[in-house]
C-alpha atoms as a PDB file:
ATOM      1  CA  UNK A   1       0.000   0.000   0.000  1.00  0.00           C
ATOM      2  CA  UNK A   2       1.267   3.476  -0.812  1.00  0.00           C
ATOM      3  CA  UNK A   3       0.745   6.810   0.902  1.00  0.00           C
ATOM      4  CA  UNK A   4      -1.718   8.492  -1.461  1.00  0.00           C
ATOM      5  CA  UNK A   5      -2.463  12.212  -1.609  1.00  0.00           C
ATOM      6  CA  UNK A   6      -5.697  11.565   0.258  1.00  0.00           C
ATOM      7  CA  UNK A   7      -3.916   9.714   3.068  1.00  0.00           C
ATOM      8  CA  UNK A   8      -1.360  12.531   3.237  1.00  0.00           C
ATOM      9  CA  UNK A   9      -4.216  14.985   3.850  1.00  0.00           C
ATOM     10  CA  UNK A  10      -5.536  12.834   6.699  1.00  0.00           C
ATOM     11  CA  UNK A  11      -2.058  12.589   8.213  1.00  0.00           C
ATOM     12  CA  UNK A  12      -1.496  16.350   7.949  1.00  0.00           C
ATOM     13  CA  UNK A  13      -4.895  17.116   9.455  1.00  0.00           C
ATOM     14  CA  UNK A  14      -4.279  14.750  12.360  1.00  0.00           C
ATOM     15  CA  UNK A  15      -0.886  16.348  12.981  1.00  0.00           C
ATOM     16  CA  UNK A  16      -2.521  19.775  13.150  1.00  0.00           C
ATOM     17  CA  UNK A  17      -5.177  18.433  15.532  1.00  0.00           C
ATOM     18  CA  UNK A  18      -2.488  16.785  17.666  1.00  0.00           C
ATOM     19  CA  UNK A  19      -0.891  20.175  18.149  1.00  0.00           C
ATOM     20  CA  UNK A  20      -4.125  22.064  18.888  1.00  0.00           C
ATOM     21  CA  UNK A  21      -6.319  19.589  20.778  1.00  0.00           C
ATOM     22  CA  UNK A  22      -5.798  17.247  23.707  1.00  0.00           C
ATOM     23  CA  UNK A  23      -6.473  14.253  21.496  1.00  0.00           C
ATOM     24  CA  UNK A  24      -7.076  13.319  17.881  1.00  0.00           C
ATOM     25  CA  UNK A  25     -10.694  12.232  17.424  1.00  0.00           C
ATOM     26  CA  UNK A  26     -12.359  10.730  14.360  1.00  0.00           C
ATOM     27  CA  UNK A  27     -15.138  13.336  14.581  1.00  0.00           C
ATOM     28  CA  UNK A  28     -12.661  16.219  14.502  1.00  0.00           C
ATOM     29  CA  UNK A  29     -10.749  14.754  11.556  1.00  0.00           C
ATOM     30  CA  UNK A  30     -14.013  14.233   9.626  1.00  0.00           C
ATOM     31  CA  UNK A  31     -15.134  17.810  10.322  1.00  0.00           C
ATOM     32  CA  UNK A  32     -11.790  19.348   9.290  1.00  0.00           C
ATOM     33  CA  UNK A  33     -11.521  17.374   6.075  1.00  0.00           C
ATOM     34  CA  UNK A  34     -15.230  17.501   5.290  1.00  0.00           C
ATOM     35  CA  UNK A  35     -15.886  13.774   5.025  1.00  0.00           C
ATOM     36  CA  UNK A  36     -17.760  11.026   6.856  1.00  0.00           C
ATOM     37  CA  UNK A  37     -16.578   9.160   9.944  1.00  0.00           C
ATOM     38  CA  UNK A  38     -16.472   5.854   8.017  1.00  0.00           C
ATOM     39  CA  UNK A  39     -14.086   7.502   5.521  1.00  0.00           C
ATOM     40  CA  UNK A  40     -11.848   8.616   8.379  1.00  0.00           C
ATOM     41  CA  UNK A  41     -11.923   5.120   9.900  1.00  0.00           C
ATOM     42  CA  UNK A  42     -10.885   3.607   6.568  1.00  0.00           C
ATOM     43  CA  UNK A  43      -8.017   6.110   6.267  1.00  0.00           C
ATOM     44  CA  UNK A  44      -6.946   5.385   9.851  1.00  0.00           C
ATOM     45  CA  UNK A  45      -6.877   1.667   9.087  1.00  0.00           C
ATOM     46  CA  UNK A  46      -4.663   2.317   6.043  1.00  0.00           C
ATOM     47  CA  UNK A  47      -2.352   4.682   7.939  1.00  0.00           C
ATOM     48  CA  UNK A  48      -2.088   2.089  10.710  1.00  0.00           C
ATOM     49  CA  UNK A  49      -1.127  -0.578   8.155  1.00  0.00           C
ATOM     50  CA  UNK A  50       1.568   1.791   6.830  1.00  0.00           C
ATOM     51  CA  UNK A  51       2.871   2.112  10.430  1.00  0.00           C
ATOM     52  CA  UNK A  52       2.352   5.876  10.414  1.00  0.00           C
ATOM     53  CA  UNK A  53      -0.118   5.819  13.297  1.00  0.00           C
ATOM     54  CA  UNK A  54      -1.178   3.479  16.072  1.00  0.00           C
ATOM     55  CA  UNK A  55      -4.929   3.039  16.151  1.00  0.00           C
ATOM     56  CA  UNK A  56      -7.502   0.516  17.271  1.00  0.00           C
ATOM     57  CA  UNK A  57     -11.161   1.173  16.503  1.00  0.00           C
ATOM     58  CA  UNK A  58     -12.649   3.465  19.177  1.00  0.00           C
ATOM     59  CA  UNK A  59      -9.190   3.828  20.718  1.00  0.00           C
ATOM     60  CA  UNK A  60      -6.641   6.608  20.843  1.00  0.00           C
ATOM     61  CA  UNK A  61      -4.949   7.783  17.656  1.00  0.00           C
ATOM     62  CA  UNK A  62      -1.216   8.190  18.132  1.00  0.00           C
ATOM     63  CA  UNK A  63       1.563   8.984  15.675  1.00  0.00           C
ATOM     64  CA  UNK A  64       4.506   6.696  15.221  1.00  0.00           C
ATOM     65  CA  UNK A  65       7.864   8.430  14.916  1.00  0.00           C
ATOM     66  CA  UNK A  66       7.775   7.816  11.160  1.00  0.00           C
ATOM     67  CA  UNK A  67       4.206   9.126  10.946  1.00  0.00           C
ATOM     68  CA  UNK A  68       5.037  12.354  12.715  1.00  0.00           C
ATOM     69  CA  UNK A  69       8.100  12.911  10.523  1.00  0.00           C
ATOM     70  CA  UNK A  70       6.023  12.215   7.405  1.00  0.00           C
ATOM     71  CA  UNK A  71       3.355  14.737   8.500  1.00  0.00           C
ATOM     72  CA  UNK A  72       6.014  17.386   9.151  1.00  0.00           C
ATOM     73  CA  UNK A  73       7.526  16.685   5.731  1.00  0.00           C
ATOM     74  CA  UNK A  74       4.149  17.143   4.009  1.00  0.00           C
ATOM     75  CA  UNK A  75       3.749  20.522   5.700  1.00  0.00           C
ATOM     76  CA  UNK A  76       7.356  21.465   4.851  1.00  0.00           C
ATOM     77  CA  UNK A  77       6.833  20.671   1.174  1.00  0.00           C
ATOM     78  CA  UNK A  78       3.671  22.764   1.074  1.00  0.00           C
ATOM     79  CA  UNK A  79       5.461  25.699   2.699  1.00  0.00           C
ATOM     80  CA  UNK A  80       8.407  25.487   0.297  1.00  0.00           C
ATOM     81  CA  UNK A  81       6.156  25.283  -2.749  1.00  0.00           C
ATOM     82  CA  UNK A  82       4.002  28.177  -1.585  1.00  0.00           C
ATOM     83  CA  UNK A  83       7.075  30.307  -0.894  1.00  0.00           C
ATOM     84  CA  UNK A  84       8.520  29.481  -4.315  1.00  0.00           C
ATOM     85  CA  UNK A  85       5.258  30.259  -6.108  1.00  0.00           C
ATOM     86  CA  UNK A  86       4.606  33.532  -4.283  1.00  0.00           C
ATOM     87  CA  UNK A  87       8.115  34.924  -3.837  1.00  0.00           C
ATOM     88  CA  UNK A  88      10.041  33.633  -6.843  1.00  0.00           C
ATOM     89  CA  UNK A  89       7.330  33.268  -9.485  1.00  0.00           C
ATOM     90  CA  UNK A  90       5.198  36.075  -7.975  1.00  0.00           C
ATOM     91  CA  UNK A  91       1.963  34.114  -8.311  1.00  0.00           C
ATOM     92  CA  UNK A  92      -1.038  35.501  -6.472  1.00  0.00           C
ATOM     93  CA  UNK A  93      -1.298  34.125  -2.918  1.00  0.00           C
ATOM     94  CA  UNK A  94      -4.689  32.391  -3.323  1.00  0.00           C
ATOM     95  CA  UNK A  95      -3.634  30.648  -6.519  1.00  0.00           C
ATOM     96  CA  UNK A  96      -0.247  29.709  -5.024  1.00  0.00           C
ATOM     97  CA  UNK A  97      -1.928  28.146  -1.978  1.00  0.00           C
ATOM     98  CA  UNK A  98      -4.212  25.962  -4.106  1.00  0.00           C
ATOM     99  CA  UNK A  99      -1.393  24.894  -6.424  1.00  0.00           C
ATOM    100  CA  UNK A 100       0.972  24.171  -3.523  1.00  0.00           C
ATOM    101  CA  UNK A 101      -1.737  21.959  -1.967  1.00  0.00           C
ATOM    102  CA  UNK A 102      -1.853  19.856  -5.137  1.00  0.00           C
ATOM    103  CA  UNK A 103       1.869  19.852  -5.836  1.00  0.00           C
ATOM    104  CA  UNK A 104       2.999  18.803  -2.349  1.00  0.00           C
ATOM    105  CA  UNK A 105       1.641  15.295  -2.949  1.00  0.00           C
ATOM    106  CA  UNK A 106       3.701  14.790  -6.090  1.00  0.00           C
ATOM    107  CA  UNK A 107       7.070  16.294  -5.172  1.00  0.00           C
ATOM    108  CA  UNK A 108       9.844  13.904  -4.131  1.00  0.00           C
ATOM    109  CA  UNK A 109      12.159  14.439  -1.187  1.00  0.00           C
ATOM    110  CA  UNK A 110      15.101  14.980  -3.543  1.00  0.00           C
ATOM    111  CA  UNK A 111      13.212  17.646  -5.483  1.00  0.00           C
ATOM    112  CA  UNK A 112      12.035  19.390  -2.304  1.00  0.00           C
ATOM    113  CA  UNK A 113      15.623  19.505  -0.993  1.00  0.00           C
ATOM    114  CA  UNK A 114      16.846  21.005  -4.281  1.00  0.00           C
ATOM    115  CA  UNK A 115      13.948  23.469  -4.258  1.00  0.00           C
ATOM    116  CA  UNK A 116      14.886  24.509  -0.724  1.00  0.00           C
ATOM    117  CA  UNK A 117      18.502  25.116  -1.818  1.00  0.00           C
ATOM    118  CA  UNK A 118      17.327  27.048  -4.873  1.00  0.00           C
ATOM    119  CA  UNK A 119      15.012  29.262  -2.822  1.00  0.00           C
ATOM    120  CA  UNK A 120      17.832  29.847  -0.365  1.00  0.00           C
ATOM    121  CA  UNK A 121      20.171  30.872  -3.180  1.00  0.00           C
ATOM    122  CA  UNK A 122      17.684  33.056  -5.088  1.00  0.00           C
ATOM    123  CA  UNK A 123      16.280  34.822  -2.021  1.00  0.00           C
ATOM    124  CA  UNK A 124      19.670  34.898  -0.296  1.00  0.00           C
ATOM    125  CA  UNK A 125      18.241  33.244   2.795  1.00  0.00           C
ATOM    126  CA  UNK A 126      19.561  30.791   5.303  1.00  0.00           C
ATOM    127  CA  UNK A 127      17.768  27.667   6.584  1.00  0.00           C
ATOM    128  CA  UNK A 128      14.082  27.322   5.698  1.00  0.00           C
ATOM    129  CA  UNK A 129      13.442  24.753   8.438  1.00  0.00           C
ATOM    130  CA  UNK A 130       9.671  24.895   8.746  1.00  0.00           C
ATOM    131  CA  UNK A 131       7.750  25.518  11.955  1.00  0.00           C
ATOM    132  CA  UNK A 132       4.079  25.138  11.027  1.00  0.00           C
ATOM    133  CA  UNK A 133       1.644  27.559  12.680  1.00  0.00           C
ATOM    134  CA  UNK A 134      -1.515  25.515  13.207  1.00  0.00           C
ATOM    135  CA  UNK A 135      -3.737  28.516  13.917  1.00  0.00           C
ATOM    136  CA  UNK A 136      -2.890  30.252  10.644  1.00  0.00           C
ATOM    137  CA  UNK A 137      -2.184  27.075   8.636  1.00  0.00           C
ATOM    138  CA  UNK A 138       1.164  28.366   7.411  1.00  0.00           C
ATOM    139  CA  UNK A 139       4.813  28.049   8.234  1.00  0.00           C
ATOM    140  CA  UNK A 140       6.032  30.650  10.736  1.00  0.00           C
ATOM    141  CA  UNK A 141       9.581  30.423   9.391  1.00  0.00           C
ATOM    142  CA  UNK A 142       8.460  30.934   5.815  1.00  0.00           C
ATOM    143  CA  UNK A 143       6.333  33.872   6.951  1.00  0.00           C
ATOM    144  CA  UNK A 144       9.404  35.363   8.645  1.00  0.00           C
ATOM    145  CA  UNK A 145      11.390  34.701   5.489  1.00  0.00           C
ATOM    146  CA  UNK A 146       8.717  36.430   3.416  1.00  0.00           C
ATOM    147  CA  UNK A 147       8.782  39.441   5.726  1.00  0.00           C
ATOM    148  CA  UNK A 148      12.580  39.517   5.640  1.00  0.00           C
ATOM    149  CA  UNK A 149      12.585  39.309   1.846  1.00  0.00           C
ATOM    150  CA  UNK A 150       9.986  42.064   1.476  1.00  0.00           C
ATOM    151  CA  UNK A 151      11.939  44.243   3.909  1.00  0.00           C
ATOM    152  CA  UNK A 152      15.051  43.899   1.717  1.00  0.00           C
ATOM    153  CA  UNK A 153      13.073  45.230  -1.264  1.00  0.00           C
ATOM    154  CA  UNK A 154      12.033  48.312   0.682  1.00  0.00           C
ATOM    155  CA  UNK A 155      15.574  49.324   1.618  1.00  0.00           C
END
């Protein structure tokens, strides 16, 4: 079984919930994604089989180490793509967000690492290590980078 784009969305959503709520509940995941509880349960079963979470029906949902790292990586890829689209290609923010959502599922780790180096070189920035802000659904580091980059233009 492979980690599909749909399963990546479930994993990302659960990671966000993990960092904002006391626990990850099927109801909350369903509400955030906009799907049924049976769909969430099916996704949880698949994520459990991939060893990304630990879950027994009606039990607690917990991330494995690999699952948490995978969720962080999904968020990192989105942040990198959005930054590239908005700051380098100067694509409108709303369009960039939608395209980054789609692209993050298809980009490999090797490509994301090269994209990170390219953004660093083009924008003359240091590390883009992401720190996802769950309340604003964006990367705090990339937001700081954006502010820093815009400030340089105003000098």
